Protein backbone atom coordinates (compact mmCIF):
# COMPACT_ATOMS: atom_id res chain seq x y z
CA MET A 1 14.96 3.95 -16.66
CA GLN A 2 12.76 2.54 -13.80
CA LEU A 3 13.18 -0.96 -14.87
CA ILE A 4 17.04 -0.58 -15.60
CA VAL A 5 17.59 0.87 -11.88
CA TYR A 6 15.36 -1.93 -10.52
CA ARG A 7 17.52 -4.67 -12.34
CA LEU A 8 20.66 -3.14 -11.00
CA VAL A 9 19.46 -2.48 -7.43
CA TYR A 10 17.18 -5.73 -6.75
CA PRO A 11 20.35 -8.29 -6.72
CA LEU A 12 21.70 -6.06 -3.93
CA LEU A 13 18.64 -6.13 -2.02
CA TRP A 14 18.25 -10.03 -2.19
CA THR A 15 21.90 -10.38 -1.31
CA ILE A 16 21.47 -8.30 1.76
CA SER A 17 18.33 -10.12 2.70
CA LYS A 18 20.21 -13.45 2.84
CA LEU A 19 22.96 -12.15 5.07
CA PRO A 20 23.60 -13.84 8.44
CA TRP A 21 22.01 -11.63 11.35
CA PRO A 22 25.38 -10.47 12.48
CA LEU A 23 26.63 -9.51 9.28
CA PHE A 24 23.36 -8.20 8.22
CA TYR A 25 23.42 -5.62 11.39
CA ALA A 26 27.24 -4.86 10.77
CA PHE A 27 25.96 -3.80 7.27
CA SER A 28 22.95 -1.65 8.87
CA THR A 29 25.82 -0.03 11.08
CA GLY A 30 27.86 0.83 8.06
CA ILE A 31 24.65 2.48 6.27
CA TYR A 32 24.15 4.53 9.47
CA LEU A 33 27.60 5.92 9.49
CA LEU A 34 27.57 6.78 5.81
CA LEU A 35 23.95 8.31 6.08
CA TYR A 36 24.72 10.19 9.25
CA TYR A 37 28.08 11.28 9.07
CA CYS A 38 28.60 11.57 5.48
CA ILE A 39 25.38 12.10 3.59
CA GLY A 40 23.56 13.95 6.54
CA TYR A 41 20.20 12.76 5.21
CA ARG A 42 17.44 15.05 6.57
CA LYS A 43 19.43 15.90 9.43
CA LYS A 44 18.13 19.34 9.71
CA THR A 45 14.65 18.05 9.48
CA VAL A 46 15.13 15.58 12.26
CA LEU A 47 16.89 18.13 14.55
CA GLU A 48 14.06 20.71 13.92
CA ASN A 49 11.48 18.18 14.94
CA LEU A 50 13.13 16.89 17.86
CA THR A 51 13.88 20.62 19.21
CA LEU A 52 10.23 21.66 18.36
CA VAL A 53 8.53 18.93 20.46
CA PHE A 54 11.18 18.69 23.30
CA PRO A 55 12.15 22.22 24.15
CA GLU A 56 12.97 21.43 27.63
CA LYS A 57 15.82 19.01 26.60
CA SER A 58 19.32 20.17 26.27
CA SER A 59 21.17 20.10 22.78
CA GLY A 60 23.38 17.34 24.01
CA GLU A 61 20.02 15.45 24.85
CA ILE A 62 18.60 16.10 21.40
CA LYS A 63 21.74 15.22 19.44
CA LYS A 64 22.06 11.90 21.37
CA ILE A 65 18.15 11.09 20.48
CA ARG A 66 19.07 11.92 16.82
CA LYS A 67 21.94 9.29 16.61
CA TYR A 68 19.83 6.81 17.97
CA PHE A 69 17.06 7.59 15.76
CA TYR A 70 19.19 7.18 12.75
CA LYS A 71 20.84 3.93 13.98
CA HIS A 72 17.10 2.40 14.58
CA MET A 73 16.07 3.90 10.91
CA CYS A 74 18.88 2.08 9.20
CA ASP A 75 17.94 -1.24 11.08
CA MET A 76 14.32 -0.94 10.41
CA PHE A 77 14.29 -0.05 6.53
CA LEU A 78 17.04 -2.95 6.37
CA GLU A 79 14.64 -5.23 8.13
CA MET A 80 11.92 -4.65 5.46
CA ILE A 81 14.75 -5.88 2.93
CA LYS A 82 15.24 -8.81 5.31
CA SER A 83 11.65 -9.58 4.67
CA ILE A 84 12.24 -10.74 1.15
CA SER A 85 13.89 -13.93 2.39
CA ILE A 86 12.91 -14.45 5.99
CA SER A 87 11.25 -17.51 7.11
CA ASN A 88 7.42 -17.40 8.81
CA ASP A 89 9.13 -18.97 12.02
CA GLU A 90 11.83 -16.64 12.41
CA MET A 91 9.36 -13.79 11.55
CA LYS A 92 7.58 -14.75 14.52
CA LYS A 93 10.39 -15.17 16.88
CA ARG A 94 11.46 -11.74 15.93
CA PHE A 95 8.11 -9.91 16.28
CA ARG A 96 5.79 -11.28 18.99
CA VAL A 97 2.44 -10.50 19.83
CA THR A 98 2.12 -10.02 23.44
CA ASN A 99 -1.74 -10.67 23.84
CA LEU A 100 -2.62 -12.78 20.73
CA ASP A 101 -5.29 -14.33 22.79
CA LYS A 102 -7.16 -11.23 22.21
CA PHE A 103 -7.14 -11.45 18.62
CA HIS A 104 -8.40 -15.10 18.96
CA LYS A 105 -11.24 -13.65 21.29
CA LEU A 106 -11.94 -11.14 18.63
CA GLU A 107 -12.21 -14.03 16.07
CA ASP A 108 -14.71 -15.82 18.18
CA LYS A 109 -16.63 -12.58 18.75
CA GLY A 110 -16.88 -12.06 14.83
CA GLY A 111 -16.78 -8.81 12.94
CA ASN A 112 -14.04 -6.88 11.26
CA ILE A 113 -11.70 -4.54 12.81
CA MET A 114 -9.66 -1.39 12.40
CA ILE A 115 -5.86 -1.25 13.66
CA LEU A 116 -4.23 1.81 13.84
CA MET A 117 -0.50 1.78 13.98
CA ALA A 118 2.24 4.49 14.09
CA HIS A 119 5.35 4.96 12.24
CA TYR A 120 7.16 3.67 15.52
CA ALA A 121 9.63 0.73 16.42
CA SER A 122 8.88 -1.70 13.58
CA TYR A 123 5.61 -1.15 11.55
CA GLU A 124 6.85 -3.03 8.56
CA TRP A 125 7.22 -6.33 10.43
CA ALA A 126 3.66 -6.07 11.77
CA ASN A 127 2.13 -8.11 8.77
CA VAL A 128 3.36 -11.26 10.54
CA ILE A 129 0.03 -11.16 12.59
CA ASP A 130 -1.60 -12.23 9.29
CA ILE A 131 -0.19 -15.82 9.88
CA GLN A 132 -1.03 -15.93 13.69
CA THR A 133 -4.94 -15.09 13.44
CA GLY A 134 -7.90 -16.21 11.46
CA PHE A 135 -8.13 -12.54 10.28
CA GLN A 136 -7.25 -11.62 6.49
CA ALA A 137 -4.98 -8.72 7.06
CA VAL A 138 -5.57 -5.67 4.71
CA GLY A 139 -2.73 -3.12 4.87
CA ILE A 140 -3.14 0.32 3.51
CA TYR A 141 -0.13 2.14 1.65
CA LYS A 142 0.76 4.98 -0.38
CA PRO A 143 2.38 4.11 -3.75
CA ILE A 144 5.92 4.92 -4.39
CA GLY A 145 7.11 6.47 -7.74
CA ASN A 146 9.28 3.78 -9.30
CA LYS A 147 6.46 1.05 -10.34
CA TYR A 148 9.01 -1.83 -10.25
CA PHE A 149 10.41 -0.96 -6.46
CA ASP A 150 6.17 -0.31 -5.72
CA ARG A 151 5.61 -3.78 -6.70
CA LEU A 152 8.54 -4.91 -4.69
CA VAL A 153 7.29 -3.24 -1.65
CA LEU A 154 3.83 -4.81 -2.15
CA ARG A 155 5.38 -8.43 -2.43
CA ILE A 156 7.32 -7.87 0.85
CA ARG A 157 4.39 -6.67 2.58
CA ALA A 158 2.10 -9.45 1.12
CA ARG A 159 4.51 -12.21 1.85
CA PHE A 160 2.70 -13.39 4.92
CA GLY A 161 -0.69 -13.48 3.40
CA SER A 162 -1.75 -9.74 3.89
CA ARG A 163 -3.78 -7.98 1.18
CA VAL A 164 -2.38 -4.53 0.32
CA ILE A 165 -4.39 -1.69 -1.10
CA THR A 166 -3.69 1.90 -1.85
CA THR A 167 -4.82 5.03 0.10
CA LYS A 168 -7.11 5.85 -2.93
CA GLU A 169 -8.76 2.25 -2.99
CA THR A 170 -9.51 2.38 0.86
CA MET A 171 -12.83 3.47 0.98
CA GLU A 172 -14.06 1.47 -1.88
CA GLU A 173 -12.21 -1.90 -0.63
CA ILE A 174 -13.13 -1.85 2.83
CA THR A 175 -17.06 -0.96 1.94
CA LYS A 176 -16.85 -3.99 -0.19
CA ASP A 177 -15.42 -6.29 2.30
CA GLN A 178 -18.40 -5.73 4.92
CA THR A 179 -20.59 -7.78 2.13
CA ARG A 180 -17.68 -10.40 1.77
CA ASP A 181 -17.28 -13.80 3.60
CA GLY A 182 -14.42 -14.07 6.45
CA LEU A 183 -12.81 -11.68 8.95
CA PHE A 184 -11.01 -8.58 8.05
CA LEU A 185 -8.39 -6.54 9.94
CA TYR A 186 -7.32 -3.02 8.45
CA GLY A 187 -4.02 -1.77 9.41
CA ILE A 188 -2.93 1.65 8.71
CA ALA A 189 -0.27 4.19 10.04
CA ALA A 190 -2.07 7.31 10.26
CA ASP A 191 -0.04 9.69 12.09
CA GLN A 192 1.77 11.71 9.21
CA SER A 193 0.65 14.96 8.12
CA PRO A 194 -2.35 15.37 5.39
CA LYS A 195 -2.10 17.88 2.85
CA ILE A 196 -3.33 21.17 3.73
CA ASN A 197 -6.39 20.98 1.52
CA LYS A 198 -7.63 17.97 3.44
CA ALA A 199 -6.71 19.22 6.76
CA MET A 200 -10.14 19.18 8.32
CA TYR A 201 -9.29 17.93 11.71
CA TRP A 202 -6.70 19.94 13.99
CA THR A 203 -5.70 18.64 17.32
CA ASP A 204 -2.41 18.76 19.57
CA PHE A 205 0.21 16.14 18.99
CA MET A 206 3.28 16.28 21.14
CA GLY A 207 1.86 19.69 22.45
CA ILE A 208 1.71 21.26 18.89
CA LYS A 209 -1.66 22.13 17.04
CA VAL A 210 -1.26 20.27 13.66
CA PRO A 211 -3.87 18.74 11.21
CA ALA A 212 -4.43 14.93 11.40
CA PHE A 213 -5.80 12.28 9.18
CA ILE A 214 -9.44 11.12 9.91
CA GLY A 215 -10.21 8.68 7.02
CA ALA A 216 -9.64 5.63 8.95
CA ALA A 217 -11.48 6.94 11.95
CA VAL A 218 -14.33 7.82 9.72
CA LEU A 219 -14.49 4.42 8.36
CA SER A 220 -14.46 2.86 11.78
CA SER A 221 -17.40 5.15 12.83
CA ARG A 222 -19.44 4.62 9.72
CA LEU A 223 -19.08 0.95 9.43
CA GLY A 224 -19.11 0.08 13.34
CA LEU A 225 -15.53 -1.34 13.13
CA SER A 226 -14.05 -2.13 16.81
CA THR A 227 -10.96 -0.10 16.83
CA TYR A 228 -7.47 -0.95 18.37
CA TYR A 229 -3.98 0.41 18.53
CA LEU A 230 -1.17 -1.73 17.92
CA ARG A 231 1.50 -0.77 20.35
CA VAL A 232 5.03 -1.93 18.91
CA GLU A 233 7.92 -1.48 21.26
CA LYS A 234 11.51 -2.36 20.47
CA VAL A 235 12.94 -5.10 22.92
CA LYS A 236 16.64 -5.22 21.51
CA ARG A 237 17.91 -4.92 18.09
CA GLY A 238 16.02 -7.00 15.66
CA TYR A 239 13.33 -8.21 18.19
CA TYR A 240 10.00 -6.51 18.76
CA GLU A 241 6.99 -6.95 20.91
CA ALA A 242 3.47 -5.68 19.85
CA THR A 243 0.42 -5.37 22.20
CA LEU A 244 -3.16 -4.85 20.77
CA GLU A 245 -4.76 -1.98 23.05
CA THR A 246 -8.65 -1.06 22.71
CA ILE A 247 -9.46 2.40 21.43
CA THR A 248 -13.12 1.60 21.25
CA GLU A 249 -15.41 -1.37 20.29
CA GLU A 250 -18.25 0.84 19.88
CA ALA A 251 -16.79 3.13 17.15
CA GLN A 252 -20.55 3.74 15.57
CA ASN A 253 -21.20 5.73 18.80
CA LYS A 254 -17.98 7.53 18.67
CA ASP A 255 -17.18 10.82 16.86
CA PRO A 256 -14.18 10.26 14.42
CA ASN A 257 -12.38 13.18 16.01
CA TRP A 258 -12.38 11.53 19.46
CA ILE A 259 -10.94 8.25 17.92
CA VAL A 260 -8.03 10.22 16.26
CA LYS A 261 -7.41 12.14 19.65
CA GLU A 262 -7.27 8.95 21.63
CA TYR A 263 -4.91 7.39 19.02
CA LEU A 264 -2.62 10.13 18.90
CA LYS A 265 -2.43 9.95 22.73
CA GLN A 266 -1.26 6.37 22.42
CA ILE A 267 1.50 7.63 19.86
CA GLU A 268 2.50 10.32 22.31
CA ASN A 269 2.83 8.22 25.26
CA GLN A 270 5.28 5.95 23.43
CA ILE A 271 7.25 8.87 21.89
CA ARG A 272 7.87 10.44 25.35
CA LYS A 273 8.86 7.19 26.77
CA ASN A 274 11.50 6.28 24.01
CA PRO A 275 11.62 9.13 21.35
CA GLN A 276 14.56 7.63 19.10
CA TYR A 277 12.09 4.91 17.74
CA TYR A 278 9.57 7.41 16.28
CA LEU A 279 9.86 8.40 12.50
CA TRP A 280 11.52 12.12 12.95
CA SER A 281 12.63 12.29 9.25
CA HIS A 282 9.27 13.09 8.13
CA LYS A 283 8.07 16.89 8.20
CA ARG A 284 5.01 16.05 10.50
CA TRP A 285 4.69 19.41 12.09
CA LYS A 286 4.94 21.46 8.74
CA HIS A 287 1.70 22.82 9.00
CA ARG A 288 1.68 24.06 12.59
CA ASN A 289 1.77 27.74 11.33
CA ALA A 290 -0.30 27.44 8.22
CA THR A 291 -3.64 29.09 7.82
CA ILE A 292 -6.57 26.46 9.17
CA PRO A 293 -9.10 25.79 6.08
CA GLU A 294 -12.46 27.03 6.40
CA GLY A 295 -14.87 24.69 7.99
CA ALA A 296 -12.13 22.46 9.73
CA THR A 297 -12.59 21.40 13.25
CA VAL A 298 -10.10 22.40 15.89
CA ASP A 299 -9.96 20.56 18.98
């Protein structure tokens, strides 16, 4: 059944990826209208999240942010489909790194690095960095249920030379890389909610005490990986700018919890500035009232 669904859907995805940009975004607008006004995909979750973290905003302001979010979300996920056929030159034009020289200085310095990202603006197009630097980009992701679509997602994310590994493989693969030749850049969006049984670090995010993933920070600290935040901003429809910002270049001397806290501060600054570009459809704050596991750190 999974294969049948894939074979039926893939030709449509390929056709969408080949649409000229004006038609492509007109199609995205149509999907937005269907998703928002007819299907109502996760509207309740989005409304709850926005109301929770912005108690000072009026219902009118919240609804306005929600509408802009859905428009952006449709663009972003369709842009991932566009990656099936987009050229390298077009990708570099639409996802520009503002301080590429910083990457080149890190190449000259040597050593592998950890880049923490957020589910904000366009995290899917960030793999274009791989074709602009001497680093081998390694993306970390969680597999999806349909194995055929999972392979498609892997192919899309690896199109520009990135190596993609699952969350379960992360510790083993990154540890092995430290003995391999070459320079490695690890990219992970670690701003979503961990399972409650793995919630061993709790801190404030958007003013609410919630658990946070610490795996990437633990690896940075343990392996001495200089750690950065990739701040991605949406310039206009279909165009993004990314800036590499330093969290710490002495991760071996930092507590992983400190790294996570600094990382979340970076995301929070972006969200407060332009909240419509964050992924509000995920239940990021679902554990806020849960019992904190014994032995967990609360900051």
